[in-house]
Amino acid sequence: MRNLYIIFLIYILLFCSGNTHFLTDISVSYQPKTDKLEAVFKSSLPVKEGIVYTKVPRGLILSIDEKYFFNKGDARLKESSLKILDTIIMNLKNLSNYCIVEDHTENGVLDGGKYKENWELSMARSDNIVEYMADYGKLPARQLFALGFGEYMPFKDNVAPKKGMNNRVDFVIIQYESKR
């Protein structure tokens, strides 16, 4: 019974005092940071084959098929990939978010090549992307991280059932405040 009185008192204080505007403001203005990040990137880089957006607790993951960036077994960026990278850079320049570039490579042609393991190739690829973003895109190096996972973090079927997305570059846009 005492709880009922407390609820009634709160009701009277809120609704009879005319201060109900904060309730409508919350519902209208609420949009998680990840949704905003996704809207920003989708406006300039729409979903198409080989591009997948995934919202996760750490932020937004923009996954792009590796074939857009690299030839098999090679860590050098394709010239045709620079348009995609420049679009991502343009969006990141307007944000203060950190970006982790994660490369996932499996079943690469490594015989007799420069790299002995997929994770080595994967790390070289993510390093090259970050280097391009910092040097040519003029993004602050403190905003970027490079990681190479090789074959150790495949895409799950519930995210991208299409074959081939295990070979991808993930641009992880961190949504929360962090310090390096």
Protein backbone atom coordinates (compact mmCIF):
# COMPACT_ATOMS: atom_id res chain seq x y z
CA MET A 1 0.00 0.00 0.00
CA ARG A 2 2.87 2.34 0.81
CA ASN A 3 4.33 1.79 -2.70
CA LEU A 4 1.02 2.81 -4.21
CA TYR A 5 1.17 6.12 -2.34
CA ILE A 6 4.72 6.75 -3.56
CA ILE A 7 3.74 6.04 -7.19
CA PHE A 8 0.71 8.31 -6.84
CA LEU A 9 2.89 11.08 -5.36
CA ILE A 10 5.37 10.80 -8.24
CA TYR A 11 2.49 10.92 -10.71
CA ILE A 12 1.14 14.08 -9.12
CA LEU A 13 4.57 15.76 -9.04
CA LEU A 14 5.37 14.98 -12.67
CA PHE A 15 2.10 15.40 -14.46
CA CYS A 16 0.48 18.12 -12.44
CA SER A 17 3.51 20.36 -12.43
CA GLY A 18 3.55 20.60 -16.23
CA ASN A 19 7.06 19.16 -16.58
CA THR A 20 6.12 16.28 -18.84
CA HIS A 21 8.11 17.57 -21.84
CA PHE A 22 11.16 15.54 -20.86
CA LEU A 23 9.25 12.31 -21.49
CA THR A 24 8.51 13.19 -25.10
CA ASP A 25 12.01 14.56 -25.66
CA ILE A 26 13.53 11.24 -24.69
CA SER A 27 11.45 9.20 -27.12
CA VAL A 28 11.95 11.62 -30.01
CA SER A 29 15.66 12.24 -29.67
CA TYR A 30 16.79 8.75 -28.67
CA GLN A 31 18.89 7.11 -31.35
CA PRO A 32 21.84 4.92 -30.35
CA LYS A 33 25.24 6.07 -31.52
CA THR A 34 25.63 2.91 -33.59
CA ASP A 35 22.50 3.69 -35.58
CA LYS A 36 23.86 7.16 -36.33
CA LEU A 37 27.22 5.72 -37.41
CA GLU A 38 25.46 3.25 -39.68
CA ALA A 39 23.36 6.00 -41.28
CA VAL A 40 26.47 8.11 -41.95
CA PHE A 41 28.36 5.29 -43.66
CA LYS A 42 25.38 3.84 -45.56
CA SER A 43 24.63 7.23 -47.08
CA SER A 44 27.98 7.26 -48.86
CA LEU A 45 28.73 3.53 -49.10
CA PRO A 46 25.42 1.69 -49.60
CA VAL A 47 24.96 -2.02 -49.02
CA LYS A 48 25.74 -4.10 -52.08
CA GLU A 49 27.28 -7.49 -52.72
CA GLY A 50 30.40 -7.82 -50.63
CA ILE A 51 29.50 -5.05 -48.15
CA VAL A 52 27.87 -5.91 -44.82
CA TYR A 53 27.04 -3.65 -41.87
CA THR A 54 26.88 -5.23 -38.41
CA LYS A 55 26.03 -3.46 -35.13
CA VAL A 56 27.89 -4.85 -32.13
CA PRO A 57 28.37 -3.60 -28.55
CA ARG A 58 31.72 -2.00 -29.41
CA GLY A 59 30.29 -0.07 -32.38
CA LEU A 60 29.68 -0.56 -36.09
CA ILE A 61 31.51 -3.07 -38.26
CA LEU A 62 31.70 -2.30 -41.95
CA SER A 63 32.78 -5.58 -43.58
CA ILE A 64 33.99 -5.41 -47.17
CA ASP A 65 35.01 -8.37 -49.28
CA GLU A 66 38.79 -8.54 -49.54
CA LYS A 67 38.66 -8.87 -53.33
CA TYR A 68 37.88 -5.14 -53.56
CA PHE A 69 41.25 -4.34 -51.95
CA PHE A 70 43.78 -7.07 -52.78
CA ASN A 71 44.81 -9.69 -55.30
CA LYS A 72 45.25 -13.25 -53.99
CA GLY A 73 48.34 -13.64 -51.85
CA ASP A 74 49.29 -9.95 -52.20
CA ALA A 75 49.25 -7.18 -49.58
CA ARG A 76 49.48 -4.25 -52.01
CA LEU A 77 46.30 -2.22 -52.33
CA LYS A 78 44.53 -2.31 -55.67
CA GLU A 79 44.22 1.11 -57.22
CA SER A 80 40.51 0.44 -57.71
CA SER A 81 40.09 0.15 -53.92
CA LEU A 82 41.16 3.72 -53.26
CA LYS A 83 37.69 5.10 -54.00
CA ILE A 84 36.20 2.93 -51.25
CA LEU A 85 38.99 3.88 -48.84
CA ASP A 86 38.63 7.57 -49.66
CA THR A 87 34.89 7.34 -48.89
CA ILE A 88 35.59 5.72 -45.52
CA ILE A 89 38.28 8.33 -44.78
CA MET A 90 35.91 11.17 -45.66
CA ASN A 91 33.37 9.85 -43.13
CA LEU A 92 35.98 9.28 -40.43
CA LYS A 93 37.31 12.84 -40.81
CA ASN A 94 33.90 14.09 -39.65
CA LEU A 95 33.96 11.78 -36.60
CA SER A 96 36.22 11.50 -33.60
CA ASN A 97 35.72 7.73 -33.36
CA TYR A 98 38.57 5.29 -33.40
CA CYS A 99 38.71 2.86 -36.33
CA ILE A 100 40.17 -0.62 -36.07
CA VAL A 101 41.05 -2.12 -39.45
CA GLU A 102 40.83 -5.89 -39.15
CA ASP A 103 41.85 -8.11 -42.05
CA HIS A 104 40.61 -11.69 -42.27
CA THR A 105 42.35 -13.90 -44.81
CA GLU A 106 42.05 -17.61 -45.35
CA ASN A 107 43.03 -19.97 -48.11
CA GLY A 108 45.41 -17.44 -49.65
CA VAL A 109 47.97 -18.42 -52.25
CA LEU A 110 51.04 -18.49 -50.01
CA ASP A 111 53.22 -21.08 -51.76
CA GLY A 112 56.60 -19.55 -52.49
CA GLY A 113 55.29 -16.08 -51.76
CA LYS A 114 56.49 -13.47 -49.34
CA TYR A 115 54.19 -14.67 -46.54
CA LYS A 116 54.34 -18.09 -44.88
CA GLU A 117 51.12 -17.82 -42.85
CA ASN A 118 47.71 -16.29 -43.53
CA TRP A 119 47.91 -14.16 -40.38
CA GLU A 120 51.17 -12.59 -41.68
CA LEU A 121 49.48 -11.68 -44.96
CA SER A 122 46.46 -10.47 -43.02
CA MET A 123 48.55 -8.21 -40.80
CA ALA A 124 50.44 -6.76 -43.78
CA ARG A 125 47.14 -5.98 -45.50
CA SER A 126 45.62 -4.20 -42.52
CA ASP A 127 48.89 -2.29 -42.00
CA ASN A 128 48.81 -1.11 -45.63
CA ILE A 129 45.22 0.10 -45.29
CA VAL A 130 46.00 2.00 -42.07
CA GLU A 131 49.13 3.47 -43.62
CA TYR A 132 47.11 4.72 -46.61
CA MET A 133 44.44 6.17 -44.33
CA ALA A 134 47.02 8.01 -42.21
CA ASP A 135 49.46 9.12 -44.93
CA TYR A 136 47.19 9.89 -47.88
CA GLY A 137 43.90 10.33 -46.05
CA LYS A 138 45.50 12.55 -43.41
CA LEU A 139 43.65 10.82 -40.56
CA PRO A 140 45.41 11.06 -37.20
CA ALA A 141 47.43 7.89 -36.61
CA ARG A 142 46.17 7.80 -33.02
CA GLN A 143 42.64 7.24 -34.40
CA LEU A 144 43.62 4.07 -36.32
CA PHE A 145 44.60 0.53 -35.38
CA ALA A 146 45.60 -2.40 -37.61
CA LEU A 147 44.90 -6.04 -36.75
CA GLY A 148 45.36 -9.20 -38.79
CA PHE A 149 43.43 -12.33 -37.87
CA GLY A 150 44.15 -14.61 -40.80
CA GLU A 151 41.71 -17.52 -40.77
CA TYR A 152 41.02 -17.34 -37.03
CA MET A 153 37.80 -15.26 -37.00
CA PRO A 154 35.48 -16.48 -39.77
CA PHE A 155 32.12 -14.88 -40.47
CA LYS A 156 29.25 -16.80 -38.96
CA ASP A 157 26.43 -18.02 -41.22
CA ASN A 158 23.88 -15.90 -39.34
CA VAL A 159 25.72 -12.70 -40.33
CA ALA A 160 26.75 -13.30 -43.94
CA PRO A 161 25.73 -16.67 -45.34
CA LYS A 162 27.42 -15.97 -48.68
CA LYS A 163 30.59 -17.86 -49.26
CA GLY A 164 33.73 -15.77 -49.51
CA MET A 165 33.10 -13.23 -46.75
CA ASN A 166 35.63 -15.03 -44.56
CA ASN A 167 38.13 -13.13 -46.70
CA ARG A 168 37.23 -9.60 -45.72
CA VAL A 169 38.38 -6.31 -44.28
CA ASP A 170 36.43 -5.10 -41.25
CA PHE A 171 36.40 -1.41 -40.42
CA VAL A 172 35.31 -1.34 -36.78
CA ILE A 173 34.09 2.12 -35.83
CA ILE A 174 34.24 2.29 -32.03
CA GLN A 175 31.17 4.00 -30.56
CA TYR A 176 32.36 4.66 -27.02
CA GLU A 177 34.93 6.99 -25.53
CA SER A 178 38.34 5.37 -25.20
CA LYS A 179 41.87 6.50 -24.73
CA ARG A 180 44.98 5.07 -26.24
